[in-house]
């Protein structure tokens, strides 16, 4: 993870910033993006993933929710920083 973060820093300059992020695949088909995280971790619980991302000062984003709308809980919605509303996979 530290090599990935350093590569993002080196690819950044004053006109363009590369922000490290990972997509966590969780149970119930949920995918949570962790933006600007510092440490890798493993979990299959979307709420746990969002909490761990936020504990690191990162942003937790629900990714491509149309694939699992019925599995998004109120608890998860209360924790995340955002929800992806458009994905390049869809026209």
Protein backbone atom coordinates (compact mmCIF):
# COMPACT_ATOMS: atom_id res chain seq x y z
CA UNK A 1 0.00 0.00 0.00
CA UNK A 2 2.83 2.40 0.79
CA UNK A 3 4.34 1.87 -2.70
CA UNK A 4 0.94 2.61 -4.23
CA UNK A 5 0.57 5.81 -2.17
CA UNK A 6 4.10 6.92 -3.13
CA UNK A 7 3.40 6.23 -6.82
CA UNK A 8 0.30 8.44 -6.58
CA UNK A 9 2.34 11.20 -4.97
CA UNK A 10 5.02 11.00 -7.66
CA UNK A 11 2.41 11.09 -10.43
CA UNK A 12 0.86 14.23 -8.93
CA UNK A 13 1.91 17.81 -9.48
CA UNK A 14 0.49 21.28 -8.90
CA UNK A 15 -1.99 20.91 -11.78
CA UNK A 16 -3.14 17.31 -11.21
CA UNK A 17 -3.41 15.20 -8.07
CA UNK A 18 -3.61 11.41 -8.10
CA UNK A 19 -5.50 10.22 -5.01
CA UNK A 20 -4.98 6.62 -3.88
CA UNK A 21 -8.10 4.53 -3.55
CA UNK A 22 -9.25 0.94 -3.45
CA UNK A 23 -12.55 -0.78 -4.08
CA UNK A 24 -13.56 -3.28 -1.41
CA UNK A 25 -15.81 -6.16 -2.45
CA UNK A 26 -18.12 -6.98 0.41
CA UNK A 27 -20.88 -9.47 1.07
CA UNK A 28 -24.31 -8.88 -0.48
CA UNK A 29 -22.47 -7.79 -3.65
CA UNK A 30 -21.74 -4.38 -2.08
CA UNK A 31 -18.66 -2.52 -3.28
CA UNK A 32 -17.22 0.32 -1.18
CA UNK A 33 -14.61 2.71 -2.55
CA UNK A 34 -11.98 3.86 -0.10
CA UNK A 35 -10.56 7.17 -1.33
CA UNK A 36 -7.35 8.58 0.19
CA UNK A 37 -6.77 5.68 2.58
CA UNK A 38 -3.38 5.00 4.13
CA UNK A 39 -3.53 1.29 5.01
CA UNK A 40 -4.92 -1.78 3.33
CA UNK A 41 -7.31 -3.98 5.29
CA UNK A 42 -9.61 -6.90 4.61
CA UNK A 43 -13.28 -7.16 5.47
CA UNK A 44 -16.41 -8.48 3.82
CA UNK A 45 -18.76 -6.23 5.80
CA UNK A 46 -19.66 -3.00 3.96
CA UNK A 47 -20.36 -1.10 7.21
CA UNK A 48 -17.03 -2.22 8.66
CA UNK A 49 -15.27 -1.21 5.43
CA UNK A 50 -16.84 2.26 5.51
CA UNK A 51 -15.91 2.71 9.18
CA UNK A 52 -12.30 1.62 8.63
CA UNK A 53 -11.96 3.93 5.64
CA UNK A 54 -13.27 6.88 7.65
CA UNK A 55 -11.03 6.03 10.63
CA UNK A 56 -8.08 6.59 8.27
CA UNK A 57 -9.42 9.97 7.23
CA UNK A 58 -10.56 8.66 3.84
CA UNK A 59 -13.84 8.94 2.00
CA UNK A 60 -16.18 5.95 1.82
CA UNK A 61 -18.26 5.78 -1.36
CA UNK A 62 -20.88 3.19 -2.31
CA UNK A 63 -19.84 2.03 -5.79
CA UNK A 64 -22.29 1.13 -8.60
CA UNK A 65 -25.24 0.60 -6.24
CA UNK A 66 -27.70 -0.23 -9.02
CA UNK A 67 -26.30 -3.78 -8.90
CA UNK A 68 -27.39 -4.30 -5.28
CA UNK A 69 -29.91 -1.58 -4.36
CA UNK A 70 -31.94 -3.89 -2.11
CA UNK A 71 -28.86 -4.69 -0.02
CA UNK A 72 -27.98 -1.11 0.97
CA UNK A 73 -28.94 -0.63 4.60
CA UNK A 74 -29.85 2.56 6.42
CA UNK A 75 -26.83 1.98 8.64
CA UNK A 76 -24.50 1.97 5.63
CA UNK A 77 -26.17 5.06 4.20
CA UNK A 78 -25.64 6.91 7.48
CA UNK A 79 -21.88 6.22 7.40
CA UNK A 80 -20.76 6.73 3.81
CA UNK A 81 -19.65 10.02 2.31
CA UNK A 82 -21.22 9.46 -1.08
CA UNK A 83 -22.87 7.20 -3.62
CA UNK A 84 -21.72 6.68 -7.19
CA UNK A 85 -24.54 7.71 -9.50
CA UNK A 86 -22.94 7.07 -12.89
CA UNK A 87 -20.46 4.44 -14.00
CA UNK A 88 -18.62 4.12 -17.29
CA UNK A 89 -19.96 0.57 -17.62
CA UNK A 90 -23.44 1.99 -18.23
CA UNK A 91 -24.50 4.14 -21.19
